[in-house]
Amino acid sequence: MSRSELYTTAVADYLARHRAAGVRERLDAAYDIDDEMARLASVMAVVQAESVPREKW
């Protein structure tokens, strides 16, 4: 078995075992951004940009 075949087999096996554990579903839930969070993120981006002093170039 070549090294690339070994890696392919190992990754496929890993994904098959961990897919059942719901890893992707838990990450999706953890990073899910609803409308309120999206609005808050845009407000925070504006506040952060305004907090940086302007410099002359």
Protein backbone atom coordinates (compact mmCIF):
# COMPACT_ATOMS: atom_id res chain seq x y z
CA MET A 1 0.00 0.00 0.00
CA SER A 2 1.39 3.40 -0.93
CA ARG A 3 1.65 6.26 1.54
CA SER A 4 -1.12 8.22 -0.19
CA GLU A 5 -3.39 5.17 -0.11
CA LEU A 6 -2.66 4.76 3.60
CA TYR A 7 -3.53 8.42 4.28
CA THR A 8 -6.68 8.14 2.18
CA THR A 9 -7.79 5.03 4.05
CA ALA A 10 -6.95 6.53 7.44
CA VAL A 11 -8.83 9.78 6.76
CA ALA A 12 -11.85 7.92 5.38
CA ASP A 13 -11.90 5.67 8.45
CA TYR A 14 -11.54 8.65 10.80
CA LEU A 15 -14.39 10.53 9.12
CA ALA A 16 -16.62 7.47 9.14
CA ARG A 17 -16.09 6.94 12.88
CA HIS A 18 -16.46 10.58 13.88
CA ARG A 19 -19.38 11.41 11.63
CA ALA A 20 -21.50 9.22 13.85
CA ALA A 21 -20.42 11.32 16.83
CA GLY A 22 -22.09 14.37 15.26
CA VAL A 23 -18.93 16.48 15.23
CA ARG A 24 -20.01 18.58 12.26
CA GLU A 25 -23.49 19.06 13.68
CA ARG A 26 -22.10 20.25 17.02
CA LEU A 27 -19.70 22.66 15.31
CA ASP A 28 -22.51 23.98 13.11
CA ALA A 29 -24.63 24.59 16.20
CA ALA A 30 -21.76 26.27 18.05
CA TYR A 31 -20.99 28.65 15.18
CA ASP A 32 -24.59 29.23 14.10
CA ILE A 33 -25.29 32.94 13.77
CA ASP A 34 -28.88 34.04 13.93
CA ASP A 35 -30.17 37.41 12.72
CA GLU A 36 -29.68 39.10 16.09
CA MET A 37 -26.07 37.93 16.36
CA ALA A 38 -25.37 39.04 12.78
CA ARG A 39 -26.74 42.51 13.57
CA LEU A 40 -24.68 42.69 16.75
CA ALA A 41 -21.55 41.64 14.84
CA SER A 42 -22.04 44.45 12.31
CA VAL A 43 -22.56 46.99 15.10
CA MET A 44 -19.43 45.76 16.87
CA ALA A 45 -17.43 46.08 13.65
CA VAL A 46 -18.47 49.73 13.37
CA VAL A 47 -17.66 50.41 17.04
CA GLN A 48 -14.25 48.77 16.69
CA ALA A 49 -13.45 50.74 13.53
CA GLU A 50 -14.42 54.00 15.24
CA SER A 51 -12.24 53.19 18.25
CA VAL A 52 -9.07 53.19 16.13
CA PRO A 53 -7.60 56.68 15.90
CA ARG A 54 -7.26 58.12 12.43
CA GLU A 55 -3.74 58.78 11.20
CA LYS A 56 -2.42 61.01 8.49
CA TRP A 57 -0.61 59.15 5.74
